[in-house]
């Protein structure tokens, strides 16, 4: 399963606190995943969020190989 990705373009510079609040919101909305801060020429230009969905062993069926057909 491909992780869900969201990109947020940040126009705030490193001195502004707006980017920090955006990062806090993104981290707070995740159960499993990654939040990346992209910097270009000492400025935050983008924040990326990748969310993963994990399945436990209870309630999930195993996928078994296909049975061979008898001739």
PDB file of N, CA and C in Angstrom:
ATOM      1  N   UNK A   1       0.850  -1.172   0.000  1.00  0.00           N
ATOM      2  CA  UNK A   1       0.000   0.000   0.000  1.00  0.00           C
ATOM      3  C   UNK A   1       0.898   1.238   0.000  1.00  0.00           C
ATOM      4  N   UNK A   2       0.615   2.137  -0.898  1.00  0.00           N
ATOM      5  CA  UNK A   2       1.400   3.359  -0.995  1.00  0.00           C
ATOM      6  C   UNK A   2       0.982   4.329   0.107  1.00  0.00           C
ATOM      7  N   UNK A   3       1.961   4.922   0.804  1.00  0.00           N
ATOM      8  CA  UNK A   3       1.603   5.878   1.858  1.00  0.00           C
ATOM      9  C   UNK A   3       0.913   7.110   1.285  1.00  0.00           C
ATOM     10  N   UNK A   4       0.035   7.677   2.059  1.00  0.00           N
ATOM     11  CA  UNK A   4      -0.645   8.907   1.664  1.00  0.00           C
ATOM     12  C   UNK A   4       0.299  10.073   1.927  1.00  0.00           C
ATOM     13  N   UNK A   5       0.453  10.966   0.955  1.00  0.00           N
ATOM     14  CA  UNK A   5       1.345  12.105   1.119  1.00  0.00           C
ATOM     15  C   UNK A   5       0.583  13.400   0.931  1.00  0.00           C
ATOM     16  N   UNK A   6       0.860  14.341   1.794  1.00  0.00           N
ATOM     17  CA  UNK A   6       0.303  15.685   1.687  1.00  0.00           C
ATOM     18  C   UNK A   6       1.458  16.662   1.684  1.00  0.00           C
ATOM     19  N   UNK A   7       1.403  17.640   0.792  1.00  0.00           N
ATOM     20  CA  UNK A   7       2.426  18.674   0.757  1.00  0.00           C
ATOM     21  C   UNK A   7       1.792  20.003   1.106  1.00  0.00           C
ATOM     22  N   UNK A   8       2.455  20.750   1.948  1.00  0.00           N
ATOM     23  CA  UNK A   8       1.991  22.074   2.345  1.00  0.00           C
ATOM     24  C   UNK A   8       3.095  23.052   1.974  1.00  0.00           C
ATOM     25  N   UNK A   9       2.794  23.980   1.103  1.00  0.00           N
ATOM     26  CA  UNK A   9       3.782  24.978   0.717  1.00  0.00           C
ATOM     27  C   UNK A   9       3.861  26.035   1.810  1.00  0.00           C
ATOM     28  N   UNK A  10       5.039  26.219   2.348  1.00  0.00           N
ATOM     29  CA  UNK A  10       5.230  27.192   3.422  1.00  0.00           C
ATOM     30  C   UNK A  10       5.876  28.443   2.843  1.00  0.00           C
ATOM     31  N   UNK A  11       5.236  29.553   3.025  1.00  0.00           N
ATOM     32  CA  UNK A  11       5.801  30.809   2.546  1.00  0.00           C
ATOM     33  C   UNK A  11       6.511  31.547   3.667  1.00  0.00           C
ATOM     34  N   UNK A  12       6.408  31.020   4.879  1.00  0.00           N
ATOM     35  CA  UNK A  12       7.033  31.682   6.028  1.00  0.00           C
ATOM     36  C   UNK A  12       8.540  31.479   5.985  1.00  0.00           C
ATOM     37  N   UNK A  13       9.262  32.464   6.464  1.00  0.00           N
ATOM     38  CA  UNK A  13      10.704  32.303   6.560  1.00  0.00           C
ATOM     39  C   UNK A  13      11.054  31.678   7.902  1.00  0.00           C
ATOM     40  N   UNK A  14      12.309  31.353   8.094  1.00  0.00           N
ATOM     41  CA  UNK A  14      12.735  30.644   9.299  1.00  0.00           C
ATOM     42  C   UNK A  14      12.503  31.457  10.564  1.00  0.00           C
ATOM     43  N   UNK A  15      12.399  32.777  10.483  1.00  0.00           N
ATOM     44  CA  UNK A  15      12.184  33.610  11.656  1.00  0.00           C
ATOM     45  C   UNK A  15      10.737  33.651  12.109  1.00  0.00           C
ATOM     46  N   UNK A  16       9.827  33.236  11.264  1.00  0.00           N
ATOM     47  CA  UNK A  16       8.405  33.274  11.580  1.00  0.00           C
ATOM     48  C   UNK A  16       7.998  32.017  12.343  1.00  0.00           C
ATOM     49  N   UNK A  17       6.993  32.137  13.197  1.00  0.00           N
ATOM     50  CA  UNK A  17       6.505  30.994  13.964  1.00  0.00           C
ATOM     51  C   UNK A  17       5.372  30.261  13.251  1.00  0.00           C
ATOM     52  N   UNK A  18       4.903  30.779  12.110  1.00  0.00           N
ATOM     53  CA  UNK A  18       3.810  30.126  11.382  1.00  0.00           C
ATOM     54  C   UNK A  18       4.167  28.706  10.974  1.00  0.00           C
ATOM     55  N   UNK A  19       5.384  28.484  10.509  1.00  0.00           N
ATOM     56  CA  UNK A  19       5.791  27.161  10.070  1.00  0.00           C
ATOM     57  C   UNK A  19       5.793  26.172  11.233  1.00  0.00           C
ATOM     58  N   UNK A  20       6.167  26.645  12.408  1.00  0.00           N
ATOM     59  CA  UNK A  20       6.214  25.775  13.580  1.00  0.00           C
ATOM     60  C   UNK A  20       4.812  25.297  13.959  1.00  0.00           C
ATOM     61  N   UNK A  21       3.841  26.185  13.894  1.00  0.00           N
ATOM     62  CA  UNK A  21       2.460  25.796  14.184  1.00  0.00           C
ATOM     63  C   UNK A  21       1.946  24.810  13.137  1.00  0.00           C
ATOM     64  N   UNK A  22       2.319  25.003  11.887  1.00  0.00           N
ATOM     65  CA  UNK A  22       1.932  24.070  10.830  1.00  0.00           C
ATOM     66  C   UNK A  22       2.510  22.688  11.094  1.00  0.00           C
ATOM     67  N   UNK A  23       3.779  22.631  11.489  1.00  0.00           N
ATOM     68  CA  UNK A  23       4.414  21.348  11.805  1.00  0.00           C
ATOM     69  C   UNK A  23       3.712  20.689  12.987  1.00  0.00           C
ATOM     70  N   UNK A  24       3.394  21.454  14.012  1.00  0.00           N
ATOM     71  CA  UNK A  24       2.697  20.902  15.179  1.00  0.00           C
ATOM     72  C   UNK A  24       1.350  20.292  14.789  1.00  0.00           C
ATOM     73  N   UNK A  25       0.606  20.988  13.930  1.00  0.00           N
ATOM     74  CA  UNK A  25      -0.693  20.470  13.485  1.00  0.00           C
ATOM     75  C   UNK A  25      -0.531  19.171  12.704  1.00  0.00           C
ATOM     76  N   UNK A  26       0.458  19.147  11.815  1.00  0.00           N
ATOM     77  CA  UNK A  26       0.679  17.952  10.997  1.00  0.00           C
ATOM     78  C   UNK A  26       1.104  16.762  11.854  1.00  0.00           C
ATOM     79  N   UNK A  27       1.990  16.984  12.805  1.00  0.00           N
ATOM     80  CA  UNK A  27       2.422  15.910  13.704  1.00  0.00           C
ATOM     81  C   UNK A  27       1.247  15.435  14.553  1.00  0.00           C
ATOM     82  N   UNK A  28       0.448  16.367  15.033  1.00  0.00           N
ATOM     83  CA  UNK A  28      -0.702  16.016  15.856  1.00  0.00           C
ATOM     84  C   UNK A  28      -1.759  15.216  15.121  1.00  0.00           C
ATOM     85  N   UNK A  29      -1.799  15.335  13.800  1.00  0.00           N
ATOM     86  CA  UNK A  29      -2.809  14.618  13.022  1.00  0.00           C
ATOM     87  C   UNK A  29      -2.362  13.213  12.617  1.00  0.00           C
ATOM     88  N   UNK A  30      -1.116  12.857  12.933  1.00  0.00           N
ATOM     89  CA  UNK A  30      -0.575  11.552  12.541  1.00  0.00           C
ATOM     90  C   UNK A  30      -0.664  10.531  13.662  1.00  0.00           C
ATOM     91  N   UNK A  31      -0.912   9.298  13.275  1.00  0.00           N
ATOM     92  CA  UNK A  31      -0.737   8.194  14.220  1.00  0.00           C
ATOM     93  C   UNK A  31       0.589   7.501  13.923  1.00  0.00           C
ATOM     94  N   UNK A  32       0.845   7.216  12.642  1.00  0.00           N
ATOM     95  CA  UNK A  32       2.118   6.678  12.180  1.00  0.00           C
ATOM     96  C   UNK A  32       2.505   7.464  10.935  1.00  0.00           C
ATOM     97  N   UNK A  33       3.742   7.905  10.847  1.00  0.00           N
ATOM     98  CA  UNK A  33       4.158   8.600   9.642  1.00  0.00           C
ATOM     99  C   UNK A  33       5.358   9.491   9.848  1.00  0.00           C
ATOM    100  N   UNK A  34       5.556  10.383   8.875  1.00  0.00           N
ATOM    101  CA  UNK A  34       6.730  11.248   8.834  1.00  0.00           C
ATOM    102  C   UNK A  34       6.292  12.657   8.452  1.00  0.00           C
ATOM    103  N   UNK A  35       6.868  13.656   9.103  1.00  0.00           N
ATOM    104  CA  UNK A  35       6.708  15.049   8.694  1.00  0.00           C
ATOM    105  C   UNK A  35       8.104  15.559   8.356  1.00  0.00           C
ATOM    106  N   UNK A  36       8.283  16.033   7.121  1.00  0.00           N
ATOM    107  CA  UNK A  36       9.581  16.535   6.678  1.00  0.00           C
ATOM    108  C   UNK A  36       9.494  18.028   6.416  1.00  0.00           C
ATOM    109  N   UNK A  37      10.550  18.724   6.784  1.00  0.00           N
ATOM    110  CA  UNK A  37      10.664  20.160   6.518  1.00  0.00           C
ATOM    111  C   UNK A  37      11.716  20.325   5.432  1.00  0.00           C
ATOM    112  N   UNK A  38      11.335  20.945   4.325  1.00  0.00           N
ATOM    113  CA  UNK A  38      12.245  21.153   3.208  1.00  0.00           C
ATOM    114  C   UNK A  38      12.756  22.586   3.265  1.00  0.00           C
ATOM    115  N   UNK A  39      14.084  22.730   3.226  1.00  0.00           N
ATOM    116  CA  UNK A  39      14.732  24.037   3.332  1.00  0.00           C
ATOM    117  C   UNK A  39      15.486  24.317   2.037  1.00  0.00           C
ATOM    118  N   UNK A  40      15.357  25.529   1.525  1.00  0.00           N
ATOM    119  CA  UNK A  40      16.094  25.971   0.337  1.00  0.00           C
ATOM    120  C   UNK A  40      16.658  27.352   0.620  1.00  0.00           C
ATOM    121  N   UNK A  41      17.970  27.472   0.532  1.00  0.00           N
ATOM    122  CA  UNK A  41      18.665  28.734   0.805  1.00  0.00           C
ATOM    123  C   UNK A  41      18.250  29.321   2.153  1.00  0.00           C
ATOM    124  N   UNK A  42      18.298  28.493   3.179  1.00  0.00           N
ATOM    125  CA  UNK A  42      18.003  28.876   4.569  1.00  0.00           C
ATOM    126  C   UNK A  42      16.551  29.274   4.803  1.00  0.00           C
ATOM    127  N   UNK A  43      15.656  28.949   3.890  1.00  0.00           N
ATOM    128  CA  UNK A  43      14.230  29.250   4.062  1.00  0.00           C
ATOM    129  C   UNK A  43      13.428  27.963   4.003  1.00  0.00           C
ATOM    130  N   UNK A  44      12.431  27.871   4.834  1.00  0.00           N
ATOM    131  CA  UNK A  44      11.519  26.736   4.785  1.00  0.00           C
ATOM    132  C   UNK A  44      10.592  26.962   3.604  1.00  0.00           C
ATOM    133  N   UNK A  45      10.644  26.046   2.648  1.00  0.00           N
ATOM    134  CA  UNK A  45       9.848  26.217   1.436  1.00  0.00           C
ATOM    135  C   UNK A  45       8.714  25.210   1.333  1.00  0.00           C
ATOM    136  N   UNK A  46       8.782  24.142   2.135  1.00  0.00           N
ATOM    137  CA  UNK A  46       7.775  23.101   1.983  1.00  0.00           C
ATOM    138  C   UNK A  46       7.757  22.217   3.225  1.00  0.00           C
ATOM    139  N   UNK A  47       6.583  21.728   3.565  1.00  0.00           N
ATOM    140  CA  UNK A  47       6.425  20.751   4.634  1.00  0.00           C
ATOM    141  C   UNK A  47       5.676  19.574   4.029  1.00  0.00           C
ATOM    142  N   UNK A  48       6.232  18.374   4.181  1.00  0.00           N
ATOM    143  CA  UNK A  48       5.617  17.181   3.615  1.00  0.00           C
ATOM    144  C   UNK A  48       5.190  16.237   4.733  1.00  0.00           C
ATOM    145  N   UNK A  49       4.007  15.662   4.570  1.00  0.00           N
ATOM    146  CA  UNK A  49       3.507  14.688   5.541  1.00  0.00           C
ATOM    147  C   UNK A  49       3.222  13.386   4.811  1.00  0.00           C
ATOM    148  N   UNK A  50       3.808  12.296   5.298  1.00  0.00           N
ATOM    149  CA  UNK A  50       3.541  10.963   4.777  1.00  0.00           C
ATOM    150  C   UNK A  50       2.882  10.175   5.891  1.00  0.00           C
ATOM    151  N   UNK A  51       1.678   9.691   5.646  1.00  0.00           N
ATOM    152  CA  UNK A  51       0.935   8.954   6.658  1.00  0.00           C
ATOM    153  C   UNK A  51       0.896   7.484   6.296  1.00  0.00           C
ATOM    154  N   UNK A  52       1.148   6.642   7.277  1.00  0.00           N
ATOM    155  CA  UNK A  52       1.129   5.198   7.076  1.00  0.00           C
ATOM    156  C   UNK A  52      -0.010   4.596   7.887  1.00  0.00           C
ATOM    157  N   UNK A  53      -0.591   3.568   7.330  1.00  0.00           N
ATOM    158  CA  UNK A  53      -1.645   2.847   8.028  1.00  0.00           C
ATOM    159  C   UNK A  53      -1.100   1.459   8.338  1.00  0.00           C
ATOM    160  N   UNK A  54      -1.062   1.105   9.603  1.00  0.00           N
ATOM    161  CA  UNK A  54      -0.535  -0.197  10.010  1.00  0.00           C
ATOM    162  C   UNK A  54      -1.681  -1.097  10.436  1.00  0.00           C
ATOM    163  N   UNK A  55      -1.566  -2.348  10.064  1.00  0.00           N
ATOM    164  CA  UNK A  55      -2.564  -3.344  10.424  1.00  0.00           C
ATOM    165  C   UNK A  55      -1.988  -4.245  11.499  1.00  0.00           C
ATOM    166  N   UNK A  56      -2.777  -4.526  12.519  1.00  0.00           N
ATOM    167  CA  UNK A  56      -2.372  -5.480  13.544  1.00  0.00           C
ATOM    168  C   UNK A  56      -2.657  -6.892  13.073  1.00  0.00           C
ATOM    169  N   UNK A  57      -2.271  -7.870  13.867  1.00  0.00           N
ATOM    170  CA  UNK A  57      -2.494  -9.256  13.473  1.00  0.00           C
ATOM    171  C   UNK A  57      -3.931  -9.692  13.731  1.00  0.00           C
ATOM    172  N   UNK A  58      -4.609  -9.081  14.677  1.00  0.00           N
ATOM    173  CA  UNK A  58      -5.989  -9.457  14.981  1.00  0.00           C
ATOM    174  C   UNK A  58      -6.937  -8.861  13.943  1.00  0.00           C
ATOM    175  N   UNK A  59      -7.796  -9.695  13.394  1.00  0.00           N
ATOM    176  CA  UNK A  59      -8.812  -9.200  12.478  1.00  0.00           C
ATOM    177  C   UNK A  59      -8.359  -9.023  11.045  1.00  0.00           C
ATOM    178  N   UNK A  60      -7.119  -9.386  10.733  1.00  0.00           N
ATOM    179  CA  UNK A  60      -6.626  -9.253   9.367  1.00  0.00           C
ATOM    180  C   UNK A  60      -6.363 -10.655   8.830  1.00  0.00           C
ATOM    181  N   UNK A  61      -6.969 -10.970   7.697  1.00  0.00           N
ATOM    182  CA  UNK A  61      -6.794 -12.294   7.114  1.00  0.00           C
ATOM    183  C   UNK A  61      -5.452 -12.394   6.419  1.00  0.00           C
ATOM    184  N   UNK A  62      -4.859 -13.593   6.493  1.00  0.00           N
ATOM    185  CA  UNK A  62      -3.602 -13.848   5.795  1.00  0.00           C
ATOM    186  C   UNK A  62      -3.886 -14.043   4.316  1.00  0.00           C
ATOM    187  N   UNK A  63      -2.946 -13.659   3.503  1.00  0.00           N
ATOM    188  CA  UNK A  63      -3.050 -13.889   2.065  1.00  0.00           C
ATOM    189  C   UNK A  63      -2.182 -15.097   1.757  1.00  0.00           C
ATOM    190  N   UNK A  64      -2.798 -16.153   1.269  1.00  0.00           N
ATOM    191  CA  UNK A  64      -2.051 -17.378   0.989  1.00  0.00           C
ATOM    192  C   UNK A  64      -1.792 -17.482  -0.508  1.00  0.00           C
ATOM    193  N   UNK A  65      -0.726 -18.229  -0.881  1.00  0.00           N
ATOM    194  CA  UNK A  65      -0.439 -18.407  -2.310  1.00  0.00           C
ATOM    195  C   UNK A  65      -1.603 -19.099  -3.009  1.00  0.00           C
ATOM    196  N   UNK A  66      -1.753 -18.843  -4.288  1.00  0.00           N
ATOM    197  CA  UNK A  66      -2.825 -19.445  -5.073  1.00  0.00           C
ATOM    198  C   UNK A  66      -2.609 -20.951  -5.164  1.00  0.00           C
ATOM    199  N   UNK A  67      -3.670 -21.704  -4.931  1.00  0.00           N
ATOM    200  CA  UNK A  67      -3.578 -23.164  -5.023  1.00  0.00           C
ATOM    201  C   UNK A  67      -3.476 -23.570  -6.488  1.00  0.00           C
ATOM    202  N   UNK A  68      -2.647 -24.592  -6.742  1.00  0.00           N
ATOM    203  CA  UNK A  68      -2.506 -25.087  -8.111  1.00  0.00           C
ATOM    204  C   UNK A  68      -3.720 -25.934  -8.459  1.00  0.00           C
ATOM    205  N   UNK A  69      -4.187 -25.775  -9.666  1.00  0.00           N
ATOM    206  CA  UNK A  69      -5.331 -26.550 -10.135  1.00  0.00           C
ATOM    207  C   UNK A  69      -4.890 -27.955 -10.506  1.00  0.00           C
ATOM    208  N   UNK A  70      -5.716 -28.939 -10.157  1.00  0.00           N
ATOM    209  CA  UNK A  70      -5.410 -30.320 -10.531  1.00  0.00           C
ATOM    210  C   UNK A  70      -5.864 -30.559 -11.958  1.00  0.00           C
ATOM    211  N   UNK A  71      -5.035 -31.281 -12.731  1.00  0.00           N
ATOM    212  CA  UNK A  71      -5.356 -31.553 -14.132  1.00  0.00           C
ATOM    213  C   UNK A  71      -6.236 -32.748 -14.297  1.00  0.00           C
TER     214      UNK A  71
END
